[in-house]
Amino acid sequence: MSFHPKMAYDATFHKSARTLDETDKGAGPPFAYTAENRARFDQIVKRYPPDRRRSAVLPALYLAQYQQGYITANAIRHVAELLGITRADVEDVVSFYTMFYTKPVGTFVVQVCRTLSCALNGAERVTEELTAKLGITPGQTDASGTFTLVEVECLGACDRAPVVMVNDGWHECLKPEDASRLVDDLRARGESVLSGCHHVVELKKKAG
């Protein structure tokens, strides 16, 4: 097993949303923001000049993914209509950024950094351990719908390698031999088991 030269995502996991919308067959369930999320959206767009509403596309998509769990063609259509831009404009953003999912993912999306510092410090073996523990390969979700395993590029904490993100949570210095226990801990106690970002933790200690 080697991190290189294959790409981080295979096409079946993260593909252009445009392919989902070639017909309405792949459009997904009907989508509209809930009243609460629509209120959040309305607050978000106020940050931008009226002629720059399109600049809110990233937070608008995050909000859609937060609500539904992943981005469908119907969600893309809804965001495009609210921002006054084309679906192609929104699709381009979804297909470019790997943090947007175009099919359902698990409760915990486990993202293993595979770039140089993490690779040198054992990230490849972290992925192997997680693969063995979960019975899936990167880009797949386990049968229970609990875990999705993904390989990603640099997470920006090279001095704390190997680094893993779980959803939006941070876990640093994950030794390969501890990877299996992390899965068990996530099942038992959720994201509270994550180490957090070292710098954020230190700032909190100083502030406290």
C-alpha atoms as a PDB file:
ATOM      1  CA  MET A   1       0.000   0.000   0.000  1.00  0.00           C
ATOM      2  CA  SER A   2       1.416   3.383  -0.951  1.00  0.00           C
ATOM      3  CA  PHE A   3       0.121   6.940  -0.743  1.00  0.00           C
ATOM      4  CA  HIS A   4       1.669   7.906  -4.073  1.00  0.00           C
ATOM      5  CA  PRO A   5       0.967   8.583  -6.893  1.00  0.00           C
ATOM      6  CA  LYS A   6      -2.781   7.885  -6.622  1.00  0.00           C
ATOM      7  CA  MET A   7      -5.082  10.799  -5.881  1.00  0.00           C
ATOM      8  CA  ALA A   8      -6.720  11.328  -2.507  1.00  0.00           C
ATOM      9  CA  TYR A   9     -10.298  10.781  -3.679  1.00  0.00           C
ATOM     10  CA  ASP A  10     -11.520   8.297  -6.206  1.00  0.00           C
ATOM     11  CA  ALA A  11     -14.144   9.487  -8.639  1.00  0.00           C
ATOM     12  CA  THR A  12     -16.900   7.385  -7.116  1.00  0.00           C
ATOM     13  CA  PHE A  13     -16.641   9.186  -3.782  1.00  0.00           C
ATOM     14  CA  HIS A  14     -16.162  12.815  -4.720  1.00  0.00           C
ATOM     15  CA  LYS A  15     -17.297  13.558  -8.246  1.00  0.00           C
ATOM     16  CA  SER A  16     -18.615  16.636  -9.920  1.00  0.00           C
ATOM     17  CA  ALA A  17     -22.167  17.378  -8.917  1.00  0.00           C
ATOM     18  CA  ARG A  18     -22.787  18.204 -12.569  1.00  0.00           C
ATOM     19  CA  THR A  19     -22.942  14.476 -13.324  1.00  0.00           C
ATOM     20  CA  LEU A  20     -25.691  14.138 -10.721  1.00  0.00           C
ATOM     21  CA  ASP A  21     -27.828  16.694 -12.462  1.00  0.00           C
ATOM     22  CA  GLU A  22     -27.635  15.557 -16.074  1.00  0.00           C
ATOM     23  CA  THR A  23     -31.131  14.188 -15.439  1.00  0.00           C
ATOM     24  CA  ASP A  24     -33.414  14.588 -12.460  1.00  0.00           C
ATOM     25  CA  LYS A  25     -32.881  10.907 -11.628  1.00  0.00           C
ATOM     26  CA  GLY A  26     -29.842  11.811  -9.563  1.00  0.00           C
ATOM     27  CA  ALA A  27     -31.188  15.060  -8.129  1.00  0.00           C
ATOM     28  CA  GLY A  28     -31.786  13.605  -4.673  1.00  0.00           C
ATOM     29  CA  PRO A  29     -34.705  14.347  -2.351  1.00  0.00           C
ATOM     30  CA  PRO A  30     -36.394  17.765  -2.478  1.00  0.00           C
ATOM     31  CA  PHE A  31     -34.298  20.346  -0.687  1.00  0.00           C
ATOM     32  CA  ALA A  32     -34.935  23.694   0.931  1.00  0.00           C
ATOM     33  CA  TYR A  33     -33.371  25.220   4.006  1.00  0.00           C
ATOM     34  CA  THR A  34     -35.299  24.743   7.204  1.00  0.00           C
ATOM     35  CA  ALA A  35     -36.702  27.940   8.701  1.00  0.00           C
ATOM     36  CA  GLU A  36     -33.784  28.055  11.124  1.00  0.00           C
ATOM     37  CA  ASN A  37     -31.177  27.555   8.422  1.00  0.00           C
ATOM     38  CA  ARG A  38     -32.894  30.023   6.118  1.00  0.00           C
ATOM     39  CA  ALA A  39     -32.560  32.598   8.897  1.00  0.00           C
ATOM     40  CA  ARG A  40     -28.870  31.726   9.170  1.00  0.00           C
ATOM     41  CA  PHE A  41     -28.482  32.064   5.407  1.00  0.00           C
ATOM     42  CA  ASP A  42     -30.137  35.487   5.485  1.00  0.00           C
ATOM     43  CA  GLN A  43     -27.643  36.587   8.125  1.00  0.00           C
ATOM     44  CA  ILE A  44     -24.723  35.226   6.115  1.00  0.00           C
ATOM     45  CA  VAL A  45     -25.564  37.109   2.921  1.00  0.00           C
ATOM     46  CA  LYS A  46     -25.776  40.382   4.858  1.00  0.00           C
ATOM     47  CA  ARG A  47     -21.997  40.214   5.191  1.00  0.00           C
ATOM     48  CA  TYR A  48     -21.632  40.874   1.475  1.00  0.00           C
ATOM     49  CA  PRO A  49     -22.664  43.793  -0.769  1.00  0.00           C
ATOM     50  CA  PRO A  50     -25.913  43.091  -2.661  1.00  0.00           C
ATOM     51  CA  ASP A  51     -24.022  42.744  -5.948  1.00  0.00           C
ATOM     52  CA  ARG A  52     -21.619  40.238  -4.351  1.00  0.00           C
ATOM     53  CA  ARG A  53     -24.111  37.699  -2.988  1.00  0.00           C
ATOM     54  CA  ARG A  54     -22.313  34.980  -4.928  1.00  0.00           C
ATOM     55  CA  SER A  55     -19.422  35.360  -2.465  1.00  0.00           C
ATOM     56  CA  ALA A  56     -21.596  33.580   0.118  1.00  0.00           C
ATOM     57  CA  VAL A  57     -21.559  30.327  -1.857  1.00  0.00           C
ATOM     58  CA  LEU A  58     -19.138  28.499   0.466  1.00  0.00           C
ATOM     59  CA  PRO A  59     -20.996  29.149   3.746  1.00  0.00           C
ATOM     60  CA  ALA A  60     -24.301  28.559   1.939  1.00  0.00           C
ATOM     61  CA  LEU A  61     -23.099  25.129   0.829  1.00  0.00           C
ATOM     62  CA  TYR A  62     -21.739  24.327   4.287  1.00  0.00           C
ATOM     63  CA  LEU A  63     -25.186  25.135   5.650  1.00  0.00           C
ATOM     64  CA  ALA A  64     -26.846  22.817   3.116  1.00  0.00           C
ATOM     65  CA  GLN A  65     -24.416  20.019   3.926  1.00  0.00           C
ATOM     66  CA  TYR A  66     -24.920  20.563   7.651  1.00  0.00           C
ATOM     67  CA  GLN A  67     -28.670  20.188   7.154  1.00  0.00           C
ATOM     68  CA  GLN A  68     -28.693  17.201   4.802  1.00  0.00           C
ATOM     69  CA  GLY A  69     -25.341  15.533   5.371  1.00  0.00           C
ATOM     70  CA  TYR A  70     -24.191  15.856   1.777  1.00  0.00           C
ATOM     71  CA  ILE A  71     -24.795  17.995  -1.320  1.00  0.00           C
ATOM     72  CA  THR A  72     -27.371  16.902  -3.896  1.00  0.00           C
ATOM     73  CA  ALA A  73     -28.318  18.480  -7.200  1.00  0.00           C
ATOM     74  CA  ASN A  74     -31.495  19.794  -5.566  1.00  0.00           C
ATOM     75  CA  ALA A  75     -29.430  21.438  -2.836  1.00  0.00           C
ATOM     76  CA  ILE A  76     -27.225  22.990  -5.518  1.00  0.00           C
ATOM     77  CA  ARG A  77     -30.309  24.291  -7.290  1.00  0.00           C
ATOM     78  CA  HIS A  78     -31.674  25.792  -4.073  1.00  0.00           C
ATOM     79  CA  VAL A  79     -28.405  27.550  -3.215  1.00  0.00           C
ATOM     80  CA  ALA A  80     -28.053  28.861  -6.763  1.00  0.00           C
ATOM     81  CA  GLU A  81     -31.565  30.297  -6.753  1.00  0.00           C
ATOM     82  CA  LEU A  82     -31.074  32.041  -3.419  1.00  0.00           C
ATOM     83  CA  LEU A  83     -27.752  33.549  -4.466  1.00  0.00           C
ATOM     84  CA  GLY A  84     -28.941  34.534  -7.939  1.00  0.00           C
ATOM     85  CA  ILE A  85     -26.249  32.560  -9.739  1.00  0.00           C
ATOM     86  CA  THR A  86     -26.306  29.577 -12.076  1.00  0.00           C
ATOM     87  CA  ARG A  87     -26.279  25.962 -10.964  1.00  0.00           C
ATOM     88  CA  ALA A  88     -23.040  25.572 -12.914  1.00  0.00           C
ATOM     89  CA  ASP A  89     -21.459  28.233 -10.700  1.00  0.00           C
ATOM     90  CA  VAL A  90     -22.382  26.272  -7.578  1.00  0.00           C
ATOM     91  CA  GLU A  91     -21.454  22.920  -9.118  1.00  0.00           C
ATOM     92  CA  ASP A  92     -17.982  24.238  -9.890  1.00  0.00           C
ATOM     93  CA  VAL A  93     -17.462  25.035  -6.201  1.00  0.00           C
ATOM     94  CA  VAL A  94     -18.800  21.669  -5.018  1.00  0.00           C
ATOM     95  CA  SER A  95     -16.610  19.729  -7.446  1.00  0.00           C
ATOM     96  CA  PHE A  96     -13.475  21.747  -6.604  1.00  0.00           C
ATOM     97  CA  TYR A  97     -13.498  21.581  -2.800  1.00  0.00           C
ATOM     98  CA  THR A  98     -13.050  18.139  -1.281  1.00  0.00           C
ATOM     99  CA  MET A  99     -14.850  19.048   1.961  1.00  0.00           C
ATOM    100  CA  PHE A 100     -18.195  18.861   0.141  1.00  0.00           C
ATOM    101  CA  TYR A 101     -19.692  15.388  -0.212  1.00  0.00           C
ATOM    102  CA  THR A 102     -21.897  14.426  -3.140  1.00  0.00           C
ATOM    103  CA  LYS A 103     -23.154  11.178  -1.622  1.00  0.00           C
ATOM    104  CA  PRO A 104     -24.078  10.143   1.926  1.00  0.00           C
ATOM    105  CA  VAL A 105     -21.216   9.757   4.389  1.00  0.00           C
ATOM    106  CA  GLY A 106     -20.935   8.210   7.831  1.00  0.00           C
ATOM    107  CA  THR A 107     -21.605   9.841  11.162  1.00  0.00           C
ATOM    108  CA  PHE A 108     -17.842  10.202  11.523  1.00  0.00           C
ATOM    109  CA  VAL A 109     -15.811  11.201   8.463  1.00  0.00           C
ATOM    110  CA  VAL A 110     -12.259  10.177   9.343  1.00  0.00           C
ATOM    111  CA  GLN A 111      -9.771  12.092   7.225  1.00  0.00           C
ATOM    112  CA  VAL A 112      -6.156  10.957   7.344  1.00  0.00           C
ATOM    113  CA  CYS A 113      -3.547  13.445   6.156  1.00  0.00           C
ATOM    114  CA  ARG A 114      -1.218  11.768   3.671  1.00  0.00           C
ATOM    115  CA  THR A 115       1.144  14.598   2.795  1.00  0.00           C
ATOM    116  CA  LEU A 116       4.898  14.492   3.442  1.00  0.00           C
ATOM    117  CA  SER A 117       5.241  15.162   7.187  1.00  0.00           C
ATOM    118  CA  CYS A 118       2.388  12.838   8.085  1.00  0.00           C
ATOM    119  CA  ALA A 119       3.554  10.201   5.602  1.00  0.00           C
ATOM    120  CA  LEU A 120       7.054  10.226   7.095  1.00  0.00           C
ATOM    121  CA  ASN A 121       5.597   9.819  10.580  1.00  0.00           C
ATOM    122  CA  GLY A 122       3.434   6.801   9.832  1.00  0.00           C
ATOM    123  CA  ALA A 123       0.194   8.067   8.286  1.00  0.00           C
ATOM    124  CA  GLU A 124       0.220   5.237   5.778  1.00  0.00           C
ATOM    125  CA  ARG A 125       0.200   2.746   8.649  1.00  0.00           C
ATOM    126  CA  VAL A 126      -2.568   4.759  10.355  1.00  0.00           C
ATOM    127  CA  THR A 127      -4.682   4.267   7.237  1.00  0.00           C
ATOM    128  CA  GLU A 128      -3.823   0.559   7.158  1.00  0.00           C
ATOM    129  CA  GLU A 129      -4.906   0.163  10.782  1.00  0.00           C
ATOM    130  CA  LEU A 130      -8.149   2.054  10.197  1.00  0.00           C
ATOM    131  CA  THR A 131      -8.830   0.023   7.060  1.00  0.00           C
ATOM    132  CA  ALA A 132      -8.371  -3.215   8.992  1.00  0.00           C
ATOM    133  CA  LYS A 133     -10.468  -2.022  11.934  1.00  0.00           C
ATOM    134  CA  LEU A 134     -13.374  -0.723   9.871  1.00  0.00           C
ATOM    135  CA  GLY A 135     -13.272  -3.263   7.045  1.00  0.00           C
ATOM    136  CA  ILE A 136     -13.326  -0.536   4.396  1.00  0.00           C
ATOM    137  CA  THR A 137     -10.842   1.204   2.125  1.00  0.00           C
ATOM    138  CA  PRO A 138     -10.402   4.984   1.695  1.00  0.00           C
ATOM    139  CA  GLY A 139     -13.415   6.489  -0.013  1.00  0.00           C
ATOM    140  CA  GLN A 140     -15.831   3.962   1.508  1.00  0.00           C
ATOM    141  CA  THR A 141     -18.381   4.006   4.325  1.00  0.00           C
ATOM    142  CA  ASP A 142     -18.841   1.059   6.675  1.00  0.00           C
ATOM    143  CA  ALA A 143     -22.018  -1.016   6.557  1.00  0.00           C
ATOM    144  CA  SER A 144     -23.409   0.607   9.693  1.00  0.00           C
ATOM    145  CA  GLY A 145     -23.111   4.094   8.197  1.00  0.00           C
ATOM    146  CA  THR A 146     -20.989   5.150  11.164  1.00  0.00           C
ATOM    147  CA  PHE A 147     -17.562   5.722   9.597  1.00  0.00           C
ATOM    148  CA  THR A 148     -16.345   7.059   6.281  1.00  0.00           C
ATOM    149  CA  LEU A 149     -12.590   6.801   5.699  1.00  0.00           C
ATOM    150  CA  VAL A 150     -10.853   9.379   3.518  1.00  0.00           C
ATOM    151  CA  GLU A 151      -7.271  10.291   2.643  1.00  0.00           C
ATOM    152  CA  VAL A 152      -6.654  14.030   2.320  1.00  0.00           C
ATOM    153  CA  GLU A 153      -3.814  16.381   1.563  1.00  0.00           C
ATOM    154  CA  CYS A 154      -2.057  18.648   4.080  1.00  0.00           C
ATOM    155  CA  LEU A 155      -4.141  19.604   7.124  1.00  0.00           C
ATOM    156  CA  GLY A 156      -1.633  22.246   8.174  1.00  0.00           C
ATOM    157  CA  ALA A 157      -0.279  20.751  11.401  1.00  0.00           C
ATOM    158  CA  CYS A 158       2.946  19.225  10.116  1.00  0.00           C
ATOM    159  CA  ASP A 159       4.671  19.508  13.497  1.00  0.00           C
ATOM    160  CA  ARG A 160       1.967  17.307  15.061  1.00  0.00           C
ATOM    161  CA  ALA A 161       1.973  14.497  12.500  1.00  0.00           C
ATOM    162  CA  PRO A 162       0.261  12.168  11.865  1.00  0.00           C
ATOM    163  CA  VAL A 163      -2.895  14.290  11.892  1.00  0.00           C
ATOM    164  CA  VAL A 164      -6.465  13.063  11.487  1.00  0.00           C
ATOM    165  CA  MET A 165      -9.629  15.131  11.191  1.00  0.00           C
ATOM    166  CA  VAL A 166     -12.932  13.654  12.289  1.00  0.00           C
ATOM    167  CA  ASN A 167     -15.746  15.742  10.873  1.00  0.00           C
ATOM    168  CA  ASP A 168     -14.608  19.228  11.904  1.00  0.00           C
ATOM    169  CA  GLY A 169     -12.620  17.980  14.890  1.00  0.00           C
ATOM    170  CA  TRP A 170      -8.847  17.720  15.160  1.00  0.00           C
ATOM    171  CA  HIS A 171      -6.732  14.774  16.369  1.00  0.00           C
ATOM    172  CA  GLU A 172      -2.963  15.117  16.367  1.00  0.00           C
ATOM    173  CA  CYS A 173       0.012  12.793  16.873  1.00  0.00           C
ATOM    174  CA  LEU A 174      -2.031   9.662  16.149  1.00  0.00           C
ATOM    175  CA  LYS A 175       0.299   6.687  16.317  1.00  0.00           C
ATOM    176  CA  PRO A 176      -0.617   3.724  14.079  1.00  0.00           C
ATOM    177  CA  GLU A 177      -0.964   1.488  17.134  1.00  0.00           C
ATOM    178  CA  ASP A 178      -3.528   3.889  18.593  1.00  0.00           C
ATOM    179  CA  ALA A 179      -5.732   4.118  15.489  1.00  0.00           C
ATOM    180  CA  SER A 180      -7.937   1.162  16.408  1.00  0.00           C
ATOM    181  CA  ARG A 181      -8.540   2.565  19.897  1.00  0.00           C
ATOM    182  CA  LEU A 182      -9.559   5.920  18.397  1.00  0.00           C
ATOM    183  CA  VAL A 183     -12.340   4.137  16.497  1.00  0.00           C
ATOM    184  CA  ASP A 184     -13.549   2.440  19.679  1.00  0.00           C
ATOM    185  CA  ASP A 185     -13.417   5.723  21.585  1.00  0.00           C
ATOM    186  CA  LEU A 186     -15.386   7.533  18.881  1.00  0.00           C
ATOM    187  CA  ARG A 187     -18.052   4.838  19.007  1.00  0.00           C
ATOM    188  CA  ALA A 188     -18.259   5.097  22.789  1.00  0.00           C
ATOM    189  CA  ARG A 189     -17.906   8.832  23.434  1.00  0.00           C
ATOM    190  CA  GLY A 190     -18.054  10.677  20.127  1.00  0.00           C
ATOM    191  CA  GLU A 191     -15.913  13.644  19.147  1.00  0.00           C
ATOM    192  CA  SER A 192     -15.095  14.523  22.750  1.00  0.00           C
ATOM    193  CA  VAL A 193     -12.209  12.009  22.518  1.00  0.00           C
ATOM    194  CA  LEU A 194     -10.346  14.073  19.923  1.00  0.00           C
ATOM    195  CA  SER A 195      -7.182  15.845  21.040  1.00  0.00           C
ATOM    196  CA  GLY A 196      -8.103  19.157  19.431  1.00  0.00           C
ATOM    197  CA  CYS A 197      -5.610  21.489  17.780  1.00  0.00           C
ATOM    198  CA  HIS A 198      -2.490  21.878  19.948  1.00  0.00           C
ATOM    199  CA  HIS A 199      -2.340  25.648  19.436  1.00  0.00           C
ATOM    200  CA  VAL A 200      -6.003  26.133  20.303  1.00  0.00           C
ATOM    201  CA  VAL A 201      -5.618  23.982  23.422  1.00  0.00           C
ATOM    202  CA  GLU A 202      -2.595  26.005  24.539  1.00  0.00           C
ATOM    203  CA  LEU A 203      -4.402  29.303  23.980  1.00  0.00           C
ATOM    204  CA  LYS A 204      -7.336  28.071  26.057  1.00  0.00           C
ATOM    205  CA  LYS A 205      -4.970  27.083  28.873  1.00  0.00           C
ATOM    206  CA  LYS A 206      -3.362  30.522  28.838  1.00  0.00           C
ATOM    207  CA  ALA A 207      -6.736  32.257  28.753  1.00  0.00           C
ATOM    208  CA  GLY A 208      -7.997  30.137  31.647  1.00  0.00           C
END
